[in-house]
Structures are given as structure tokens and as C-alpha cells.
Amino acid sequence: MEKDPALHSMILGHVQRRIALTPAEQDHFVSLLKIRRLLPRQYLVQQGDICRYENYVCKGFLRSFYVDEKGNDHTLHFAMEDWWITDSTSYHLQVPATRNIVALESSVLLQIEKDDLEQLYRDIPVFERFWRILEQKSGIAQDQRILNAISMTGAERYEALIARYPTLEQRMPQRHIASYLGITPVFLSQIRKQATRPDAPGIKQV
């Protein structure tokens, strides 16, 4: 199995900002990880497959999306360095995935299989706390996204997103950002033009 001390050091730093591990526990944890390298446009998960891994992003950028019956592409999530990404329902229940996850850049991931994660909980119980912290953070972010969708205009959602993730426009195409925000690419283009021309008439779409 491929090993990379720099990648292991990165994920251990991520984990130990949330829980404390002994050296032996650190070694046991990294022994369960697999390295996965993806090229741009290479899929990590495809709709209908079983998602078998939790995936920590060491390098790169990935997009999670759903394709509906009409072939429309809906961006659900994205992930960059120091983030996790998976299809949670497929991973935990071992049912077919309802989303696709694709690399938008060359990416390097550290993966842990479901059976290995369950074993990790038994061997090092504090890891249950680690994943609970991640799930709480994810839940709070999702609640905020729902609230923003209800209470903000499309322009305000865009401004808040870019303020929080300043590099996003360099890493994800505009059509995918528009899909993530629930607006059309044409409207997003209007918003961006308005942002560079503060004297222009305001955008009225909600």
C-alpha cells in the first residue's frame, strides 16, 4: 500500500485540532487510510454505484452533483483542501449513490473504508467524537444554506458565497456556481457585471 508521510501529517493535523491521539493511535489510524489520486474530470463516485469511502481532500477540488431525469445537472456540494466529501447515505447504508462526485482539478485524497471506520470506532472510541464534530459542523452549514436560500436574494447568496470562499470562482466554472446557488448562469453573469459596475441599475431577481 502506498504511503506518504506528508499526507499522513496533514490529516493527523486536521484530526488533532479536534481530538487528542497518542502516537500509537496516530499510527493505527493512518494504517487504515488509502491514497487515491484523481485526474481532472475523473469520477470518485457515480450515481448508482455504492460509495465505499469517506474521502479527505489533501490536494485538489471536487464537485458533488445530481443529474435529474431530464438530464439537468444540479451542484450539491464542493470540497477543497482539508475538507471531507462522500455520498453519506450511500456510504453509511451501503445503498446506490444518488449523486456523482468528480474531480475538477488533479486531486489527492486519503480514504477510509466503512468497515475500517467501524473498526476504528471500536479500537479508538474518541474517533466517534471526531466524526460527530464533523457532522455537527456539516449540519450547521447545511441549515445556514437553507436559511440563505429562503431569506436572501440570488445576488446576496452569491456575494456571501464568494466572501466566504474567495478562490471559488477560479476553481469551479460559473455554471456550477449558479447551479449551487439555485440561479441561472445568465443571472449569475448579470450579478457579476453589476459587481464590477456599482453605478449600474440593481438586479431585481430574487
N, C-alpha and C. Protein backbone atom coordinates (compact mmCIF):
# COMPACT_ATOMS: atom_id res chain seq x y z
N MET A 1 0.84 -1.19 0.00
CA MET A 1 0.00 0.00 0.00
C MET A 1 0.88 1.25 0.00
N GLU A 2 0.54 2.21 -0.87
CA GLU A 2 1.32 3.44 -0.95
C GLU A 2 1.24 4.23 0.35
N LYS A 3 2.39 4.76 0.77
CA LYS A 3 2.44 5.58 1.98
C LYS A 3 3.06 6.93 1.62
N ASP A 4 2.60 7.97 2.27
CA ASP A 4 3.12 9.31 2.04
C ASP A 4 3.10 10.05 3.37
N PRO A 5 4.26 10.20 4.03
CA PRO A 5 4.31 10.85 5.35
C PRO A 5 3.74 12.26 5.35
N ALA A 6 3.91 12.99 4.24
CA ALA A 6 3.40 14.37 4.20
C ALA A 6 1.87 14.38 4.23
N LEU A 7 1.24 13.46 3.50
CA LEU A 7 -0.23 13.38 3.51
C LEU A 7 -0.73 12.93 4.87
N HIS A 8 -0.04 11.96 5.46
CA HIS A 8 -0.44 11.49 6.79
C HIS A 8 -0.29 12.60 7.83
N SER A 9 0.76 13.40 7.71
CA SER A 9 0.95 14.51 8.64
C SER A 9 -0.18 15.53 8.50
N MET A 10 -0.62 15.74 7.26
CA MET A 10 -1.70 16.70 7.01
C MET A 10 -3.00 16.25 7.67
N ILE A 11 -3.38 14.98 7.47
CA ILE A 11 -4.65 14.54 8.04
C ILE A 11 -4.56 14.42 9.57
N LEU A 12 -3.39 14.06 10.09
CA LEU A 12 -3.24 14.00 11.55
C LEU A 12 -3.37 15.38 12.17
N GLY A 13 -2.83 16.40 11.50
CA GLY A 13 -3.01 17.76 12.00
C GLY A 13 -4.48 18.14 12.02
N HIS A 14 -5.21 17.75 10.95
CA HIS A 14 -6.65 18.01 10.85
C HIS A 14 -7.40 17.33 12.00
N VAL A 15 -7.07 16.07 12.27
CA VAL A 15 -7.76 15.31 13.32
C VAL A 15 -7.43 15.86 14.70
N GLN A 16 -6.16 16.16 14.92
CA GLN A 16 -5.75 16.54 16.28
C GLN A 16 -6.08 17.99 16.63
N ARG A 17 -6.63 18.73 15.69
CA ARG A 17 -7.23 20.02 16.05
C ARG A 17 -8.58 19.81 16.74
N ARG A 18 -9.07 18.57 16.70
CA ARG A 18 -10.40 18.27 17.25
C ARG A 18 -10.36 17.23 18.38
N ILE A 19 -9.44 16.28 18.29
CA ILE A 19 -9.29 15.28 19.35
C ILE A 19 -7.80 15.02 19.56
N ALA A 20 -7.45 14.48 20.72
CA ALA A 20 -6.05 14.14 21.02
C ALA A 20 -5.82 12.65 20.80
N LEU A 21 -4.70 12.33 20.16
CA LEU A 21 -4.34 10.93 19.90
C LEU A 21 -2.93 10.66 20.40
N THR A 22 -2.73 9.47 20.93
CA THR A 22 -1.39 9.05 21.30
C THR A 22 -0.62 8.69 20.01
N PRO A 23 0.71 8.61 20.06
CA PRO A 23 1.46 8.19 18.87
C PRO A 23 1.01 6.84 18.32
N ALA A 24 0.70 5.90 19.22
CA ALA A 24 0.24 4.59 18.76
C ALA A 24 -1.11 4.70 18.05
N GLU A 25 -2.00 5.55 18.56
CA GLU A 25 -3.30 5.75 17.93
C GLU A 25 -3.16 6.43 16.57
N GLN A 26 -2.24 7.36 16.47
CA GLN A 26 -1.97 8.00 15.18
C GLN A 26 -1.53 6.97 14.15
N ASP A 27 -0.59 6.11 14.56
CA ASP A 27 -0.09 5.08 13.64
C ASP A 27 -1.20 4.14 13.20
N HIS A 28 -2.07 3.77 14.13
CA HIS A 28 -3.15 2.86 13.80
C HIS A 28 -4.12 3.52 12.81
N PHE A 29 -4.44 4.76 13.05
CA PHE A 29 -5.35 5.49 12.16
C PHE A 29 -4.80 5.55 10.73
N VAL A 30 -3.55 5.99 10.59
CA VAL A 30 -3.03 6.16 9.22
C VAL A 30 -2.84 4.80 8.53
N SER A 31 -2.70 3.73 9.32
CA SER A 31 -2.56 2.40 8.70
C SER A 31 -3.83 1.97 7.98
N LEU A 32 -4.97 2.60 8.32
CA LEU A 32 -6.25 2.26 7.71
C LEU A 32 -6.57 3.09 6.47
N LEU A 33 -5.73 4.08 6.17
CA LEU A 33 -6.01 5.01 5.08
C LEU A 33 -5.42 4.53 3.76
N LYS A 34 -6.14 4.81 2.69
CA LYS A 34 -5.67 4.53 1.33
C LYS A 34 -5.50 5.86 0.59
N ILE A 35 -4.48 5.95 -0.23
CA ILE A 35 -4.27 7.14 -1.05
C ILE A 35 -4.97 6.95 -2.39
N ARG A 36 -5.71 7.97 -2.82
CA ARG A 36 -6.39 7.93 -4.13
C ARG A 36 -6.03 9.20 -4.89
N ARG A 37 -5.59 9.04 -6.11
CA ARG A 37 -5.23 10.18 -6.96
C ARG A 37 -6.21 10.23 -8.13
N LEU A 38 -6.72 11.43 -8.40
CA LEU A 38 -7.70 11.63 -9.47
C LEU A 38 -7.20 12.68 -10.46
N LEU A 39 -7.47 12.45 -11.72
CA LEU A 39 -7.20 13.43 -12.75
C LEU A 39 -8.41 14.34 -12.90
N PRO A 40 -8.24 15.52 -13.49
CA PRO A 40 -9.41 16.38 -13.76
C PRO A 40 -10.45 15.63 -14.57
N ARG A 41 -11.71 15.77 -14.18
CA ARG A 41 -12.88 15.14 -14.80
C ARG A 41 -12.99 13.64 -14.49
N GLN A 42 -12.14 13.13 -13.61
CA GLN A 42 -12.26 11.73 -13.20
C GLN A 42 -13.24 11.61 -12.04
N TYR A 43 -14.10 10.59 -12.11
CA TYR A 43 -15.14 10.42 -11.09
C TYR A 43 -14.59 9.68 -9.87
N LEU A 44 -15.00 10.16 -8.71
CA LEU A 44 -14.76 9.46 -7.45
C LEU A 44 -15.95 8.55 -7.14
N VAL A 45 -17.16 9.06 -7.38
CA VAL A 45 -18.41 8.31 -7.18
C VAL A 45 -19.33 8.62 -8.35
N GLN A 46 -20.07 7.61 -8.83
CA GLN A 46 -21.07 7.83 -9.85
C GLN A 46 -22.43 7.35 -9.36
N GLN A 47 -23.48 8.07 -9.79
CA GLN A 47 -24.84 7.69 -9.41
C GLN A 47 -25.08 6.22 -9.72
N GLY A 48 -25.65 5.51 -8.74
CA GLY A 48 -25.96 4.10 -8.92
C GLY A 48 -24.91 3.17 -8.34
N ASP A 49 -23.68 3.68 -8.15
CA ASP A 49 -22.64 2.86 -7.52
C ASP A 49 -22.79 2.91 -6.00
N ILE A 50 -22.14 2.00 -5.31
CA ILE A 50 -22.09 2.05 -3.85
C ILE A 50 -20.86 2.88 -3.45
N CYS A 51 -21.08 3.89 -2.62
CA CYS A 51 -19.97 4.72 -2.14
C CYS A 51 -19.30 3.99 -0.97
N ARG A 52 -18.04 3.65 -1.11
CA ARG A 52 -17.36 2.79 -0.13
C ARG A 52 -16.39 3.54 0.78
N TYR A 53 -16.19 4.84 0.53
CA TYR A 53 -15.17 5.56 1.29
C TYR A 53 -15.63 6.92 1.78
N GLU A 54 -15.14 7.30 2.95
CA GLU A 54 -15.06 8.70 3.35
C GLU A 54 -13.76 9.22 2.75
N ASN A 55 -13.77 10.44 2.23
CA ASN A 55 -12.63 10.94 1.47
C ASN A 55 -12.17 12.30 2.00
N TYR A 56 -10.92 12.34 2.44
CA TYR A 56 -10.31 13.59 2.92
C TYR A 56 -9.47 14.17 1.80
N VAL A 57 -9.70 15.45 1.48
CA VAL A 57 -9.01 16.09 0.36
C VAL A 57 -7.69 16.68 0.84
N CYS A 58 -6.59 16.09 0.37
CA CYS A 58 -5.26 16.63 0.66
C CYS A 58 -4.88 17.71 -0.35
N LYS A 59 -5.29 17.49 -1.59
CA LYS A 59 -4.96 18.43 -2.66
C LYS A 59 -6.05 18.33 -3.71
N GLY A 60 -6.47 19.49 -4.23
CA GLY A 60 -7.42 19.47 -5.33
C GLY A 60 -8.78 20.03 -4.98
N PHE A 61 -9.73 19.80 -5.88
CA PHE A 61 -11.08 20.37 -5.75
C PHE A 61 -12.05 19.40 -6.41
N LEU A 62 -13.14 19.06 -5.70
CA LEU A 62 -14.13 18.12 -6.20
C LEU A 62 -15.53 18.72 -6.11
N ARG A 63 -16.40 18.25 -7.00
CA ARG A 63 -17.79 18.73 -7.03
C ARG A 63 -18.73 17.54 -6.92
N SER A 64 -19.76 17.68 -6.09
CA SER A 64 -20.81 16.69 -5.93
C SER A 64 -22.05 17.22 -6.64
N PHE A 65 -22.66 16.38 -7.50
CA PHE A 65 -23.82 16.85 -8.23
C PHE A 65 -24.80 15.71 -8.53
N TYR A 66 -26.04 16.11 -8.79
CA TYR A 66 -27.12 15.18 -9.10
C TYR A 66 -27.62 15.46 -10.51
N VAL A 67 -27.85 14.43 -11.28
CA VAL A 67 -28.42 14.57 -12.62
C VAL A 67 -29.85 14.05 -12.58
N ASP A 68 -30.82 14.93 -12.87
CA ASP A 68 -32.22 14.52 -12.79
C ASP A 68 -32.66 13.76 -14.05
N GLU A 69 -33.94 13.37 -14.07
CA GLU A 69 -34.44 12.54 -15.17
C GLU A 69 -34.41 13.26 -16.51
N LYS A 70 -34.39 14.60 -16.49
CA LYS A 70 -34.33 15.38 -17.73
C LYS A 70 -32.89 15.67 -18.16
N GLY A 71 -31.93 15.15 -17.37
CA GLY A 71 -30.53 15.39 -17.72
C GLY A 71 -29.96 16.67 -17.18
N ASN A 72 -30.73 17.36 -16.32
CA ASN A 72 -30.24 18.60 -15.73
C ASN A 72 -29.26 18.30 -14.59
N ASP A 73 -28.23 19.10 -14.52
CA ASP A 73 -27.12 18.91 -13.58
C ASP A 73 -27.28 19.89 -12.42
N HIS A 74 -27.38 19.36 -11.19
CA HIS A 74 -27.58 20.21 -10.00
C HIS A 74 -26.39 20.06 -9.05
N THR A 75 -25.64 21.13 -8.86
CA THR A 75 -24.48 21.09 -7.96
C THR A 75 -24.97 21.07 -6.51
N LEU A 76 -24.52 20.07 -5.75
CA LEU A 76 -24.95 19.91 -4.37
C LEU A 76 -23.91 20.42 -3.38
N HIS A 77 -22.66 20.03 -3.59
CA HIS A 77 -21.59 20.39 -2.68
C HIS A 77 -20.30 20.52 -3.48
N PHE A 78 -19.29 21.08 -2.83
CA PHE A 78 -17.95 21.06 -3.38
C PHE A 78 -16.99 20.85 -2.21
N ALA A 79 -15.76 20.46 -2.52
CA ALA A 79 -14.79 20.21 -1.46
C ALA A 79 -13.40 20.58 -1.95
N MET A 80 -12.64 21.24 -1.08
CA MET A 80 -11.27 21.63 -1.38
C MET A 80 -10.36 21.09 -0.28
N GLU A 81 -9.12 21.52 -0.28
CA GLU A 81 -8.14 21.01 0.67
C GLU A 81 -8.62 21.13 2.12
N ASP A 82 -8.37 20.06 2.88
CA ASP A 82 -8.71 19.97 4.31
C ASP A 82 -10.21 19.78 4.56
N TRP A 83 -10.94 19.35 3.52
CA TRP A 83 -12.36 19.03 3.64
C TRP A 83 -12.55 17.54 3.40
N TRP A 84 -13.71 17.03 3.84
CA TRP A 84 -14.13 15.67 3.55
C TRP A 84 -15.28 15.71 2.54
N ILE A 85 -15.37 14.66 1.72
CA ILE A 85 -16.50 14.56 0.79
C ILE A 85 -16.85 13.09 0.59
N THR A 86 -18.16 12.81 0.49
CA THR A 86 -18.66 11.47 0.23
C THR A 86 -20.13 11.59 -0.14
N ASP A 87 -20.77 10.48 -0.47
CA ASP A 87 -22.23 10.40 -0.52
C ASP A 87 -22.61 9.72 0.80
N SER A 88 -23.01 10.50 1.78
CA SER A 88 -23.19 9.98 3.14
C SER A 88 -24.22 8.86 3.21
N THR A 89 -25.35 9.02 2.52
CA THR A 89 -26.39 8.00 2.58
C THR A 89 -25.89 6.69 2.00
N SER A 90 -25.25 6.77 0.83
CA SER A 90 -24.72 5.57 0.20
C SER A 90 -23.64 4.93 1.06
N TYR A 91 -22.78 5.76 1.64
CA TYR A 91 -21.67 5.25 2.45
C TYR A 91 -22.16 4.55 3.71
N HIS A 92 -23.05 5.19 4.44
CA HIS A 92 -23.49 4.63 5.73
C HIS A 92 -24.46 3.46 5.57
N LEU A 93 -25.33 3.51 4.56
CA LEU A 93 -26.33 2.46 4.38
C LEU A 93 -25.93 1.44 3.33
N GLN A 94 -24.84 1.73 2.60
CA GLN A 94 -24.38 0.86 1.52
C GLN A 94 -25.48 0.60 0.51
N VAL A 95 -26.09 1.71 0.07
CA VAL A 95 -27.11 1.68 -0.99
C VAL A 95 -26.56 2.47 -2.18
N PRO A 96 -27.18 2.32 -3.37
CA PRO A 96 -26.67 3.03 -4.54
C PRO A 96 -26.61 4.55 -4.33
N ALA A 97 -25.54 5.14 -4.80
CA ALA A 97 -25.34 6.59 -4.66
C ALA A 97 -26.37 7.35 -5.48
N THR A 98 -26.83 8.47 -4.95
CA THR A 98 -27.79 9.34 -5.64
C THR A 98 -27.09 10.53 -6.26
N ARG A 99 -25.78 10.61 -6.13
CA ARG A 99 -25.04 11.75 -6.66
C ARG A 99 -23.75 11.28 -7.31
N ASN A 100 -23.16 12.18 -8.05
CA ASN A 100 -21.84 11.97 -8.63
C ASN A 100 -20.85 12.86 -7.89
N ILE A 101 -19.62 12.40 -7.77
CA ILE A 101 -18.55 13.24 -7.25
C ILE A 101 -17.40 13.17 -8.24
N VAL A 102 -16.98 14.32 -8.75
CA VAL A 102 -15.97 14.36 -9.80
C VAL A 102 -14.89 15.36 -9.43
N ALA A 103 -13.66 15.07 -9.82
CA ALA A 103 -12.56 15.99 -9.60
C ALA A 103 -12.58 17.08 -10.67
N LEU A 104 -12.49 18.33 -10.25
CA LEU A 104 -12.36 19.43 -11.20
C LEU A 104 -10.90 19.79 -11.42
N GLU A 105 -10.03 19.33 -10.54
CA GLU A 105 -8.59 19.53 -10.64
C GLU A 105 -7.91 18.20 -10.34
N SER A 106 -6.63 18.09 -10.66
CA SER A 106 -5.87 16.94 -10.18
C SER A 106 -5.97 16.92 -8.66
N SER A 107 -6.35 15.79 -8.10
CA SER A 107 -6.66 15.72 -6.68
C SER A 107 -5.99 14.52 -6.02
N VAL A 108 -5.66 14.69 -4.74
CA VAL A 108 -5.09 13.61 -3.94
C VAL A 108 -5.95 13.48 -2.69
N LEU A 109 -6.46 12.27 -2.45
CA LEU A 109 -7.36 12.02 -1.33
C LEU A 109 -6.78 10.95 -0.42
N LEU A 110 -7.19 11.01 0.84
CA LEU A 110 -6.97 9.91 1.77
C LEU A 110 -8.34 9.33 2.08
N GLN A 111 -8.50 8.02 1.91
CA GLN A 111 -9.79 7.37 2.03
C GLN A 111 -9.80 6.37 3.19
N ILE A 112 -10.97 6.25 3.81
CA ILE A 112 -11.16 5.20 4.80
C ILE A 112 -12.45 4.46 4.48
N GLU A 113 -12.35 3.14 4.40
CA GLU A 113 -13.49 2.29 4.07
C GLU A 113 -14.42 2.17 5.28
N LYS A 114 -15.69 1.87 5.01
CA LYS A 114 -16.69 1.82 6.07
C LYS A 114 -16.33 0.80 7.15
N ASP A 115 -15.95 -0.41 6.77
CA ASP A 115 -15.61 -1.44 7.76
C ASP A 115 -14.41 -1.00 8.61
N ASP A 116 -13.45 -0.33 7.98
CA ASP A 116 -12.28 0.15 8.72
C ASP A 116 -12.66 1.28 9.68
N LEU A 117 -13.60 2.13 9.26
CA LEU A 117 -14.06 3.18 10.16
C LEU A 117 -14.77 2.60 11.37
N GLU A 118 -15.60 1.58 11.14
CA GLU A 118 -16.29 0.93 12.27
C GLU A 118 -15.27 0.28 13.21
N GLN A 119 -14.23 -0.31 12.65
CA GLN A 119 -13.18 -0.90 13.48
C GLN A 119 -12.44 0.18 14.24
N LEU A 120 -12.23 1.32 13.60
CA LEU A 120 -11.55 2.44 14.27
C LEU A 120 -12.35 2.92 15.48
N TYR A 121 -13.67 2.98 15.35
CA TYR A 121 -14.51 3.36 16.49
C TYR A 121 -14.31 2.39 17.66
N ARG A 122 -14.19 1.11 17.35
CA ARG A 122 -14.01 0.12 18.42
C ARG A 122 -12.61 0.22 19.04
N ASP A 123 -11.62 0.45 18.19
CA ASP A 123 -10.24 0.47 18.67
C ASP A 123 -9.88 1.79 19.38
N ILE A 124 -10.42 2.89 18.84
CA ILE A 124 -10.11 4.22 19.40
C ILE A 124 -11.44 4.98 19.51
N PRO A 125 -12.19 4.77 20.60
CA PRO A 125 -13.54 5.34 20.70
C PRO A 125 -13.62 6.86 20.53
N VAL A 126 -12.53 7.58 20.82
CA VAL A 126 -12.58 9.04 20.70
C VAL A 126 -12.84 9.47 19.25
N PHE A 127 -12.60 8.58 18.29
CA PHE A 127 -12.89 8.94 16.90
C PHE A 127 -14.38 9.13 16.65
N GLU A 128 -15.23 8.53 17.46
CA GLU A 128 -16.67 8.81 17.31
C GLU A 128 -16.95 10.28 17.59
N ARG A 129 -16.23 10.84 18.55
CA ARG A 129 -16.37 12.26 18.85
C ARG A 129 -15.88 13.10 17.66
N PHE A 130 -14.77 12.69 17.07
CA PHE A 130 -14.23 13.42 15.91
C PHE A 130 -15.27 13.49 14.80
N TRP A 131 -15.86 12.35 14.45
CA TRP A 131 -16.83 12.37 13.35
C TRP A 131 -18.12 13.08 13.75
N ARG A 132 -18.46 13.05 15.03
CA ARG A 132 -19.64 13.80 15.47
C ARG A 132 -19.42 15.30 15.30
N ILE A 133 -18.20 15.76 15.59
CA ILE A 133 -17.87 17.18 15.41
C ILE A 133 -18.01 17.56 13.93
N LEU A 134 -17.49 16.71 13.04
CA LEU A 134 -17.60 16.99 11.60
C LEU A 134 -19.06 17.04 11.16
N GLU A 135 -19.86 16.08 11.64
CA GLU A 135 -21.26 16.02 11.24
C GLU A 135 -22.05 17.22 11.78
N GLN A 136 -21.71 17.67 12.99
CA GLN A 136 -22.36 18.86 13.54
C GLN A 136 -22.04 20.09 12.70
N LYS A 137 -20.78 20.21 12.33
CA LYS A 137 -20.36 21.35 11.50
C LYS A 137 -21.05 21.32 10.15
N SER A 138 -21.15 20.12 9.55
CA SER A 138 -21.81 19.97 8.27
C SER A 138 -23.30 20.32 8.37
N GLY A 139 -23.94 19.87 9.46
CA GLY A 139 -25.35 20.17 9.66
C GLY A 139 -25.62 21.64 9.82
N ILE A 140 -24.75 22.33 10.56
CA ILE A 140 -24.90 23.78 10.75
C ILE A 140 -24.76 24.50 9.42
N ALA A 141 -23.77 24.09 8.61
CA ALA A 141 -23.56 24.72 7.30
C ALA A 141 -24.76 24.50 6.39
N GLN A 142 -25.33 23.28 6.44
CA GLN A 142 -26.49 22.98 5.61
C GLN A 142 -27.69 23.80 6.04
N ASP A 143 -27.90 23.95 7.35
CA ASP A 143 -29.01 24.77 7.85
C ASP A 143 -28.85 26.22 7.39
N GLN A 144 -27.62 26.73 7.43
CA GLN A 144 -27.37 28.10 7.01
C GLN A 144 -27.65 28.27 5.52
N ARG A 145 -27.27 27.25 4.74
CA ARG A 145 -27.53 27.32 3.30
C ARG A 145 -29.03 27.36 3.02
N ILE A 146 -29.80 26.55 3.74
CA ILE A 146 -31.26 26.56 3.57
C ILE A 146 -31.84 27.92 3.96
N LEU A 147 -31.37 28.47 5.08
CA LEU A 147 -31.84 29.77 5.54
C LEU A 147 -31.50 30.86 4.52
N ASN A 148 -30.28 30.80 3.98
CA ASN A 148 -29.89 31.79 2.98
C ASN A 148 -30.78 31.71 1.75
N ALA A 149 -31.14 30.48 1.35
CA ALA A 149 -31.98 30.30 0.17
C ALA A 149 -33.36 30.93 0.38
N ILE A 150 -33.82 30.92 1.63
CA ILE A 150 -35.15 31.47 1.95
C ILE A 150 -35.10 32.98 2.13
N SER A 151 -34.05 33.47 2.77
CA SER A 151 -34.03 34.86 3.23
C SER A 151 -33.22 35.82 2.37
N MET A 152 -32.40 35.31 1.44
CA MET A 152 -31.54 36.18 0.63
C MET A 152 -31.94 36.14 -0.84
N THR A 153 -31.64 37.21 -1.54
CA THR A 153 -31.79 37.20 -2.99
C THR A 153 -30.64 36.40 -3.60
N GLY A 154 -30.77 36.05 -4.87
CA GLY A 154 -29.69 35.35 -5.55
C GLY A 154 -28.39 36.13 -5.50
N ALA A 155 -28.46 37.45 -5.67
CA ALA A 155 -27.26 38.28 -5.64
C ALA A 155 -26.62 38.25 -4.26
N GLU A 156 -27.43 38.29 -3.23
CA GLU A 156 -26.89 38.24 -1.86
C GLU A 156 -26.26 36.89 -1.56
N ARG A 157 -26.87 35.81 -2.05
CA ARG A 157 -26.29 34.48 -1.84
C ARG A 157 -24.93 34.37 -2.53
N TYR A 158 -24.85 34.90 -3.73
CA TYR A 158 -23.58 34.89 -4.46
C TYR A 158 -22.51 35.68 -3.70
N GLU A 159 -22.85 36.87 -3.26
CA GLU A 159 -21.89 37.71 -2.54
C GLU A 159 -21.41 37.03 -1.26
N ALA A 160 -22.33 36.39 -0.54
CA ALA A 160 -21.96 35.71 0.70
C ALA A 160 -21.06 34.51 0.41
N LEU A 161 -21.36 33.79 -0.67
CA LEU A 161 -20.55 32.62 -1.03
C LEU A 161 -19.13 33.02 -1.39
N ILE A 162 -18.98 34.04 -2.21
CA ILE A 162 -17.65 34.46 -2.65
C ILE A 162 -16.88 35.11 -1.51
N ALA A 163 -17.59 35.79 -0.61
CA ALA A 163 -16.91 36.36 0.56
C ALA A 163 -16.34 35.25 1.44
N ARG A 164 -17.06 34.14 1.52
CA ARG A 164 -16.59 33.04 2.36
C ARG A 164 -15.52 32.22 1.67
N TYR A 165 -15.63 32.06 0.35
CA TYR A 165 -14.67 31.24 -0.42
C TYR A 165 -14.12 32.08 -1.58
N PRO A 166 -13.16 32.95 -1.31
CA PRO A 166 -12.70 33.90 -2.32
C PRO A 166 -12.09 33.27 -3.56
N THR A 167 -11.57 32.04 -3.45
CA THR A 167 -10.93 31.41 -4.62
C THR A 167 -11.91 30.56 -5.44
N LEU A 168 -13.16 30.51 -5.02
CA LEU A 168 -14.11 29.58 -5.65
C LEU A 168 -14.26 29.83 -7.15
N GLU A 169 -14.31 31.08 -7.56
CA GLU A 169 -14.52 31.38 -8.98
C GLU A 169 -13.34 30.95 -9.85
N GLN A 170 -12.17 30.79 -9.25
CA GLN A 170 -11.02 30.31 -10.00
C GLN A 170 -10.99 28.77 -10.08
N ARG A 171 -11.82 28.12 -9.26
CA ARG A 171 -11.74 26.67 -9.15
C ARG A 171 -12.98 25.95 -9.66
N MET A 172 -14.12 26.62 -9.73
CA MET A 172 -15.35 25.98 -10.19
C MET A 172 -16.00 26.84 -11.26
N PRO A 173 -16.36 26.27 -12.42
CA PRO A 173 -16.98 27.04 -13.50
C PRO A 173 -18.24 27.76 -13.05
N GLN A 174 -18.51 28.89 -13.71
CA GLN A 174 -19.64 29.73 -13.34
C GLN A 174 -20.97 28.98 -13.39
N ARG A 175 -21.13 28.08 -14.37
CA ARG A 175 -22.42 27.37 -14.47
C ARG A 175 -22.65 26.49 -13.26
N HIS A 176 -21.58 25.95 -12.68
CA HIS A 176 -21.73 25.10 -11.49
C HIS A 176 -21.99 25.95 -10.24
N ILE A 177 -21.37 27.12 -10.18
CA ILE A 177 -21.65 28.05 -9.07
C ILE A 177 -23.11 28.48 -9.12
N ALA A 178 -23.60 28.79 -10.33
CA ALA A 178 -25.00 29.19 -10.48
C ALA A 178 -25.93 28.07 -10.02
N SER A 179 -25.61 26.84 -10.42
CA SER A 179 -26.43 25.69 -10.02
C SER A 179 -26.42 25.52 -8.51
N TYR A 180 -25.27 25.67 -7.89
CA TYR A 180 -25.16 25.56 -6.43
C TYR A 180 -26.03 26.61 -5.72
N LEU A 181 -26.10 27.80 -6.31
CA LEU A 181 -26.87 28.89 -5.71
C LEU A 181 -28.35 28.84 -6.06
N GLY A 182 -28.72 27.97 -7.01
CA GLY A 182 -30.11 27.88 -7.41
C GLY A 182 -30.55 29.02 -8.31
N ILE A 183 -29.63 29.54 -9.12
CA ILE A 183 -29.93 30.61 -10.06
C ILE A 183 -29.43 30.19 -11.45
N THR A 184 -29.81 30.93 -12.47
CA THR A 184 -29.38 30.60 -13.83
C THR A 184 -27.99 31.18 -14.10
N PRO A 185 -27.24 30.56 -15.01
CA PRO A 185 -25.95 31.13 -15.39
C PRO A 185 -26.07 32.55 -15.95
N VAL A 186 -27.16 32.83 -16.67
CA VAL A 186 -27.36 34.18 -17.22
C VAL A 186 -27.51 35.19 -16.09
N PHE A 187 -28.29 34.83 -15.07
CA PHE A 187 -28.47 35.75 -13.95
C PHE A 187 -27.18 35.94 -13.18
N LEU A 188 -26.40 34.87 -13.02
CA LEU A 188 -25.12 35.00 -12.34
C LEU A 188 -24.20 35.94 -13.11
N SER A 189 -24.22 35.84 -14.43
CA SER A 189 -23.41 36.75 -15.25
C SER A 189 -23.83 38.20 -15.02
N GLN A 190 -25.13 38.44 -14.92
CA GLN A 190 -25.64 39.79 -14.65
C GLN A 190 -25.17 40.29 -13.28
N ILE A 191 -25.19 39.39 -12.28
CA ILE A 191 -24.74 39.75 -10.93
C ILE A 191 -23.27 40.16 -10.96
N ARG A 192 -22.47 39.38 -11.67
CA ARG A 192 -21.03 39.64 -11.70
C ARG A 192 -20.73 40.95 -12.43
N LYS A 193 -21.48 41.23 -13.49
CA LYS A 193 -21.31 42.51 -14.18
C LYS A 193 -21.70 43.67 -13.28
N GLN A 194 -22.79 43.48 -12.53
CA GLN A 194 -23.24 44.50 -11.59
C GLN A 194 -22.18 44.77 -10.52
N ALA A 195 -21.51 43.71 -10.08
CA ALA A 195 -20.48 43.85 -9.04
C ALA A 195 -19.30 44.68 -9.52
N THR A 196 -19.03 44.64 -10.83
CA THR A 196 -17.91 45.43 -11.38
C THR A 196 -18.35 46.80 -11.83
N ARG A 197 -19.68 47.05 -11.81
CA ARG A 197 -20.23 48.37 -12.20
C ARG A 197 -21.21 48.83 -11.13
N PRO A 198 -20.71 49.33 -10.01
CA PRO A 198 -21.59 49.70 -8.88
C PRO A 198 -22.60 50.78 -9.21
N ASP A 199 -22.38 51.52 -10.29
CA ASP A 199 -23.31 52.60 -10.66
C ASP A 199 -24.45 52.08 -11.54
N ALA A 200 -24.38 50.78 -11.92
CA ALA A 200 -25.41 50.22 -12.81
C ALA A 200 -26.70 49.98 -12.04
N PRO A 201 -27.85 49.89 -12.75
CA PRO A 201 -29.13 49.59 -12.07
C PRO A 201 -29.06 48.26 -11.33
N GLY A 202 -29.80 48.14 -10.24
CA GLY A 202 -29.77 46.94 -9.41
C GLY A 202 -30.42 45.74 -10.10
N ILE A 203 -30.04 44.57 -9.64
CA ILE A 203 -30.63 43.32 -10.13
C ILE A 203 -31.90 43.04 -9.34
N LYS A 204 -32.96 42.70 -10.03
CA LYS A 204 -34.25 42.55 -9.34
C LYS A 204 -34.65 41.11 -9.06
N GLN A 205 -33.98 40.14 -9.70
CA GLN A 205 -34.40 38.75 -9.49
C GLN A 205 -34.15 38.33 -8.05
N VAL A 206 -35.08 37.54 -7.47
CA VAL A 206 -34.96 37.10 -6.08
C VAL A 206 -34.28 35.75 -6.02
